[in-house]
C-alpha atoms as a PDB file:
ATOM      1  CA  MET A   1      16.150  34.262  47.616  1.00  0.00           C
ATOM      2  CA  ASP A   2      14.032  37.135  46.536  1.00  0.00           C
ATOM      3  CA  ARG A   3      10.106  37.611  45.893  1.00  0.00           C
ATOM      4  CA  ARG A   4      10.305  37.490  41.952  1.00  0.00           C
ATOM      5  CA  GLY A   5      12.370  34.462  42.186  1.00  0.00           C
ATOM      6  CA  LEU A   6       9.339  32.661  45.087  1.00  0.00           C
ATOM      7  CA  SER A   7       6.930  33.361  42.644  1.00  0.00           C
ATOM      8  CA  ALA A   8       8.906  31.664  39.937  1.00  0.00           C
ATOM      9  CA  ALA A   9       9.511  28.661  41.844  1.00  0.00           C
ATOM     10  CA  VAL A  10       6.167  28.635  43.150  1.00  0.00           C
ATOM     11  CA  ALA A  11       3.863  28.724  39.458  1.00  0.00           C
ATOM     12  CA  ALA A  12       6.575  26.193  38.434  1.00  0.00           C
ATOM     13  CA  LEU A  13       5.479  23.659  41.507  1.00  0.00           C
ATOM     14  CA  VAL A  14       2.159  24.550  40.375  1.00  0.00           C
ATOM     15  CA  LEU A  15       2.339  23.601  36.553  1.00  0.00           C
ATOM     16  CA  VAL A  16       4.118  20.330  37.996  1.00  0.00           C
ATOM     17  CA  GLY A  17       1.501  19.076  39.956  1.00  0.00           C
ATOM     18  CA  LEU A  18      -1.282  19.587  37.399  1.00  0.00           C
ATOM     19  CA  VAL A  19       0.746  17.734  34.912  1.00  0.00           C
ATOM     20  CA  GLY A  20       1.435  14.764  37.187  1.00  0.00           C
ATOM     21  CA  ALA A  21      -2.168  14.729  38.400  1.00  0.00           C
ATOM     22  CA  GLY A  22      -3.504  13.909  35.032  1.00  0.00           C
ATOM     23  CA  SER A  23      -4.417  17.825  34.356  1.00  0.00           C
ATOM     24  CA  VAL A  24      -2.944  19.517  30.667  1.00  0.00           C
ATOM     25  CA  VAL A  25      -2.685  22.819  30.939  1.00  0.00           C
ATOM     26  CA  ALA A  26      -2.260  24.146  27.310  1.00  0.00           C
ATOM     27  CA  LEU A  27      -0.121  27.702  27.003  1.00  0.00           C
ATOM     28  CA  GLY A  28      -2.104  29.674  24.262  1.00  0.00           C
ATOM     29  CA  GLY A  29      -5.297  27.438  24.170  1.00  0.00           C
ATOM     30  CA  ALA A  30      -5.989  23.559  23.258  1.00  0.00           C
ATOM     31  CA  ALA A  31      -5.746  22.898  19.597  1.00  0.00           C
ATOM     32  CA  PRO A  32      -9.442  21.607  18.410  1.00  0.00           C
ATOM     33  CA  GLY A  33     -10.101  18.450  17.737  1.00  0.00           C
ATOM     34  CA  GLY A  34      -7.602  16.927  19.804  1.00  0.00           C
ATOM     35  CA  VAL A  35      -4.169  17.853  22.029  1.00  0.00           C
ATOM     36  CA  GLY A  36      -2.152  20.749  21.106  1.00  0.00           C
ATOM     37  CA  GLY A  37       0.481  22.767  21.800  1.00  0.00           C
ATOM     38  CA  LEU A  38       3.205  20.921  23.668  1.00  0.00           C
ATOM     39  CA  PHE A  39       2.084  17.885  24.231  1.00  0.00           C
ATOM     40  CA  GLY A  40       1.244  16.635  21.403  1.00  0.00           C
ATOM     41  CA  ASP A  41      -0.059  17.671  17.163  1.00  0.00           C
ATOM     42  CA  ALA A  42      -2.738  19.848  16.208  1.00  0.00           C
ATOM     43  CA  SER A  43      -5.773  18.168  14.081  1.00  0.00           C
ATOM     44  CA  ASP A  44      -6.027  18.848   9.871  1.00  0.00           C
ATOM     45  CA  PRO A  45      -9.156  19.763   8.959  1.00  0.00           C
ATOM     46  CA  PRO A  46     -11.607  16.576   8.075  1.00  0.00           C
ATOM     47  CA  ALA A  47     -10.483  15.588   3.499  1.00  0.00           C
ATOM     48  CA  LEU A  48     -10.556  13.003   1.264  1.00  0.00           C
ATOM     49  CA  VAL A  49      -7.114  12.279   1.512  1.00  0.00           C
ATOM     50  CA  ALA A  50      -7.313   9.795  -1.528  1.00  0.00           C
ATOM     51  CA  PHE A  51      -9.354   7.771  -3.840  1.00  0.00           C
ATOM     52  CA  ASP A  52      -8.624   5.704  -6.261  1.00  0.00           C
ATOM     53  CA  SER A  53     -11.093   3.160  -8.464  1.00  0.00           C
ATOM     54  CA  ALA A  54      -9.683  -0.099 -10.888  1.00  0.00           C
ATOM     55  CA  GLY A  55     -10.944  -0.034 -14.274  1.00  0.00           C
ATOM     56  CA  ALA A  56     -14.324  -1.702 -14.814  1.00  0.00           C
ATOM     57  CA  HIS A  57     -14.245  -4.836 -15.964  1.00  0.00           C
ATOM     58  CA  CYS A  58     -16.478  -7.877 -16.617  1.00  0.00           C
ATOM     59  CA  PRO A  59     -15.821 -10.022 -13.829  1.00  0.00           C
ATOM     60  CA  GLU A  60     -17.029 -14.486 -13.918  1.00  0.00           C
ATOM     61  CA  ASP A  61     -18.524 -13.922 -10.423  1.00  0.00           C
ATOM     62  CA  PHE A  62     -19.770 -10.439  -8.818  1.00  0.00           C
ATOM     63  CA  SER A  63     -19.336 -10.630  -4.861  1.00  0.00           C
ATOM     64  CA  ALA A  64     -20.646  -7.295  -3.521  1.00  0.00           C
ATOM     65  CA  ASN A  65     -18.313  -6.617  -0.328  1.00  0.00           C
ATOM     66  CA  SER A  66     -16.258  -3.981   1.082  1.00  0.00           C
ATOM     67  CA  SER A  67     -13.906  -3.617   4.151  1.00  0.00           C
ATOM     68  CA  THR A  68     -12.730  -1.129   6.425  1.00  0.00           C
ATOM     69  CA  SER A  69      -9.594  -0.167   8.078  1.00  0.00           C
ATOM     70  CA  VAL A  70      -9.289   2.503  10.708  1.00  0.00           C
ATOM     71  CA  SER A  71      -6.123   3.996  12.044  1.00  0.00           C
ATOM     72  CA  VAL A  72      -5.480   6.494  15.257  1.00  0.00           C
ATOM     73  CA  GLY A  73      -3.757   9.286  16.220  1.00  0.00           C
ATOM     74  CA  ALA A  74      -3.189  11.722  18.886  1.00  0.00           C
ATOM     75  CA  ALA A  75      -4.309  13.806  16.193  1.00  0.00           C
ATOM     76  CA  ASN A  76      -6.779  12.052  13.198  1.00  0.00           C
ATOM     77  CA  THR A  77      -8.128   9.762  12.578  1.00  0.00           C
ATOM     78  CA  GLU A  78      -7.658   8.034   8.658  1.00  0.00           C
ATOM     79  CA  ILE A  79     -10.379   6.073   7.901  1.00  0.00           C
ATOM     80  CA  THR A  80      -9.804   3.852   4.814  1.00  0.00           C
ATOM     81  CA  TYR A  81     -13.038   2.422   2.810  1.00  0.00           C
ATOM     82  CA  VAL A  82     -12.861  -0.225   0.020  1.00  0.00           C
ATOM     83  CA  ARG A  83     -15.909  -1.527  -1.956  1.00  0.00           C
ATOM     84  CA  ASN A  84     -16.860  -3.327  -4.955  1.00  0.00           C
ATOM     85  CA  VAL A  85     -19.659  -2.154  -6.847  1.00  0.00           C
ATOM     86  CA  SER A  86     -21.825  -3.547  -9.654  1.00  0.00           C
ATOM     87  CA  LEU A  87     -22.168  -1.103 -12.465  1.00  0.00           C
ATOM     88  CA  PRO A  88     -25.532  -0.570 -14.256  1.00  0.00           C
ATOM     89  CA  GLY A  89     -24.290  -0.675 -17.675  1.00  0.00           C
ATOM     90  CA  PRO A  90     -21.706  -0.967 -19.658  1.00  0.00           C
ATOM     91  CA  SER A  91     -21.125   2.430 -20.547  1.00  0.00           C
ATOM     92  CA  HIS A  92     -20.670   3.255 -16.709  1.00  0.00           C
ATOM     93  CA  ALA A  93     -18.197   4.008 -14.629  1.00  0.00           C
ATOM     94  CA  VAL A  94     -17.200   5.517 -10.740  1.00  0.00           C
ATOM     95  CA  GLY A  95     -17.195   9.826 -10.966  1.00  0.00           C
ATOM     96  CA  SER A  96     -15.297  12.257  -8.571  1.00  0.00           C
ATOM     97  CA  PRO A  97     -16.013  11.263  -4.835  1.00  0.00           C
ATOM     98  CA  THR A  98     -17.178  14.466  -2.556  1.00  0.00           C
ATOM     99  CA  PHE A  99     -16.667  14.198   0.502  1.00  0.00           C
ATOM    100  CA  GLU A 100     -18.153  16.353   3.449  1.00  0.00           C
ATOM    101  CA  ARG A 101     -18.977  16.501   7.052  1.00  0.00           C
ATOM    102  CA  LEU A 102     -22.833  16.531   7.911  1.00  0.00           C
ATOM    103  CA  ASN A 103     -22.390  17.935  11.363  1.00  0.00           C
ATOM    104  CA  GLU A 104     -20.039  17.202  14.314  1.00  0.00           C
ATOM    105  CA  SER A 105     -19.310  14.007  14.629  1.00  0.00           C
ATOM    106  CA  ALA A 106     -20.980  12.842  11.091  1.00  0.00           C
ATOM    107  CA  TYR A 107     -19.115  12.668   7.248  1.00  0.00           C
ATOM    108  CA  ILE A 108     -20.555  11.592   3.991  1.00  0.00           C
ATOM    109  CA  LEU A 109     -18.924   9.764   1.298  1.00  0.00           C
ATOM    110  CA  ASP A 110     -20.646  10.359  -1.711  1.00  0.00           C
ATOM    111  CA  VAL A 111     -19.468   8.752  -4.547  1.00  0.00           C
ATOM    112  CA  PRO A 112     -21.078   9.165  -8.163  1.00  0.00           C
ATOM    113  CA  ILE A 113     -21.860   6.519 -10.691  1.00  0.00           C
ATOM    114  CA  GLU A 114     -21.586   8.236 -13.838  1.00  0.00           C
ATOM    115  CA  GLU A 115     -22.699   6.926 -17.700  1.00  0.00           C
ATOM    116  CA  THR A 116     -19.078   7.372 -19.657  1.00  0.00           C
ATOM    117  CA  GLY A 117     -20.555   8.018 -23.200  1.00  0.00           C
ATOM    118  CA  ASN A 118     -20.119   5.322 -24.770  1.00  0.00           C
ATOM    119  CA  ALA A 119     -20.092   1.312 -24.161  1.00  0.00           C
ATOM    120  CA  THR A 120     -16.787   0.461 -23.311  1.00  0.00           C
ATOM    121  CA  ARG A 121     -17.097  -3.458 -22.077  1.00  0.00           C
ATOM    122  CA  SER A 122     -19.665  -6.610 -23.293  1.00  0.00           C
ATOM    123  CA  CYS A 123     -21.158  -6.245 -19.852  1.00  0.00           C
ATOM    124  CA  SER A 124     -23.058  -4.083 -17.104  1.00  0.00           C
ATOM    125  CA  GLY A 125     -19.555  -4.771 -14.924  1.00  0.00           C
ATOM    126  CA  ALA A 126     -18.205  -3.647 -11.860  1.00  0.00           C
ATOM    127  CA  VAL A 127     -15.652  -1.740 -10.333  1.00  0.00           C
ATOM    128  CA  ARG A 128     -13.210  -1.662  -6.853  1.00  0.00           C
ATOM    129  CA  TYR A 129     -12.352   1.592  -5.252  1.00  0.00           C
ATOM    130  CA  ASN A 130     -10.418   2.803  -2.160  1.00  0.00           C
ATOM    131  CA  GLY A 131     -11.287   6.050  -0.270  1.00  0.00           C
ATOM    132  CA  THR A 132      -9.250   7.743   2.523  1.00  0.00           C
ATOM    133  CA  MET A 133     -10.802  10.015   4.598  1.00  0.00           C
ATOM    134  CA  ARG A 134      -9.661  12.435   7.558  1.00  0.00           C
ATOM    135  CA  ILE A 135     -11.394  13.250  10.327  1.00  0.00           C
ATOM    136  CA  PRO A 136     -10.426  15.171  13.663  1.00  0.00           C
ATOM    137  CA  ALA A 137      -9.444  12.979  16.238  1.00  0.00           C
ATOM    138  CA  GLY A 138     -11.503  14.434  18.823  1.00  0.00           C
ATOM    139  CA  ASP A 139     -14.897  13.922  16.761  1.00  0.00           C
ATOM    140  CA  ASP A 140     -15.659  10.729  18.907  1.00  0.00           C
ATOM    141  CA  PRO A 141     -17.816   8.779  18.136  1.00  0.00           C
ATOM    142  CA  TRP A 142     -17.964   9.317  14.917  1.00  0.00           C
ATOM    143  CA  THR A 143     -20.347   8.224  12.062  1.00  0.00           C
ATOM    144  CA  LEU A 144     -19.192   7.793   7.879  1.00  0.00           C
ATOM    145  CA  ILE A 145     -22.038   8.078   5.847  1.00  0.00           C
ATOM    146  CA  VAL A 146     -20.862   6.270   2.058  1.00  0.00           C
ATOM    147  CA  GLU A 147     -23.557   6.602  -0.597  1.00  0.00           C
ATOM    148  CA  HIS A 148     -23.878   5.638  -4.320  1.00  0.00           C
ATOM    149  CA  ASP A 149     -25.373   9.011  -6.192  1.00  0.00           C
ATOM    150  CA  GLY A 150     -26.749  10.417  -2.864  1.00  0.00           C
ATOM    151  CA  GLU A 151     -28.451   7.134  -1.958  1.00  0.00           C
ATOM    152  CA  PRO A 152     -26.810   5.373   1.304  1.00  0.00           C
ATOM    153  CA  VAL A 153     -25.737   1.720   1.025  1.00  0.00           C
ATOM    154  CA  THR A 154     -23.118   1.328   4.377  1.00  0.00           C
ATOM    155  CA  THR A 155     -23.475   3.331   7.050  1.00  0.00           C
ATOM    156  CA  LEU A 156     -19.746   3.573   9.411  1.00  0.00           C
ATOM    157  CA  ARG A 157     -20.163   4.398  13.090  1.00  0.00           C
ATOM    158  CA  GLY A 158     -16.360   3.960  14.914  1.00  0.00           C
ATOM    159  CA  ASP A 159     -14.899   4.757  18.399  1.00  0.00           C
ATOM    160  CA  SER A 160     -11.422   5.900  18.785  1.00  0.00           C
ATOM    161  CA  ASN A 161      -9.469   5.154  22.302  1.00  0.00           C
ATOM    162  CA  ARG A 162      -6.580   7.650  22.359  1.00  0.00           C
ATOM    163  CA  SER A 163      -3.724   8.495  23.950  1.00  0.00           C
ATOM    164  CA  LEU A 164      -0.664  10.748  23.109  1.00  0.00           C
ATOM    165  CA  LEU A 165       1.083   8.070  21.768  1.00  0.00           C
ATOM    166  CA  GLY A 166      -1.416   7.253  19.572  1.00  0.00           C
ATOM    167  CA  GLY A 167      -5.059   4.762  19.822  1.00  0.00           C
ATOM    168  CA  SER A 168      -7.323   2.024  18.705  1.00  0.00           C
ATOM    169  CA  ALA A 169     -10.678   1.790  17.479  1.00  0.00           C
ATOM    170  CA  SER A 170     -13.692   0.235  17.274  1.00  0.00           C
ATOM    171  CA  VAL A 171     -16.124   0.276  14.304  1.00  0.00           C
ATOM    172  CA  SER A 172     -19.556  -1.559  13.360  1.00  0.00           C
ATOM    173  CA  GLY A 173     -21.631  -0.856   9.817  1.00  0.00           C
ATOM    174  CA  SER A 174     -24.632  -1.530   8.472  1.00  0.00           C
ATOM    175  CA  ALA A 175     -25.231  -2.193   4.720  1.00  0.00           C
ATOM    176  CA  SER A 176     -28.228  -1.015   2.473  1.00  0.00           C
ATOM    177  CA  ALA A 177     -28.671  -1.443  -1.088  1.00  0.00           C
ATOM    178  CA  PRO A 178     -31.808  -1.115  -3.419  1.00  0.00           C
ATOM    179  CA  ASP A 179     -31.135  -4.860  -5.175  1.00  0.00           C
ATOM    180  CA  SER A 180     -29.525  -7.846  -3.266  1.00  0.00           C
ATOM    181  CA  ALA A 181     -27.552  -8.476  -5.668  1.00  0.00           C
ATOM    182  CA  THR A 182     -25.115  -5.672  -4.414  1.00  0.00           C
ATOM    183  CA  ASN A 183     -25.847  -5.861  -0.410  1.00  0.00           C
ATOM    184  CA  GLY A 184     -22.951  -6.891   1.778  1.00  0.00           C
ATOM    185  CA  THR A 185     -20.319  -5.416   3.842  1.00  0.00           C
ATOM    186  CA  ASN A 186     -17.231  -6.948   5.543  1.00  0.00           C
ATOM    187  CA  THR A 187     -16.423  -4.651   8.349  1.00  0.00           C
ATOM    188  CA  SER A 188     -13.254  -4.840  10.461  1.00  0.00           C
ATOM    189  CA  ALA A 189     -10.694  -2.510  12.479  1.00  0.00           C
END
């Protein structure tokens, strides 16, 4: 074996030894927020990937509740938040939400409650909305603040256990509201 062949063989053995010992070598650098390259997918940027709301209606018994589910992948974590909201008047509805990064691991989902200009119901009404947010998997532990018209109503905190094959998450939350009729949360992971 010549000198060039011997150097290549030694380099291959060193690489195999590093990977076998638990070290990951990323050729060209690691992807932001997660393991990239040959060993996983690169993280996608934070985003509100889906949002919908049911039409406002007049419920017989209003129940202010919410639920949270978290799906952890090698590159991204998806957080789905569902909430029932009591509206302030018969001409109000849920508007178009915004989702933004507050800092390295905190995010804000702001859901506006807007006046539509015409009273479409005989009561103040209630509506249920469902939003799914995507954050990079490396943003652990993470915080998601849910606001209505800029006022915090729920703060969720999570930490994901992930591997190259997927992961799991633990989530805790707290709720606040301007009045006790709309205060309630049911958080699960």
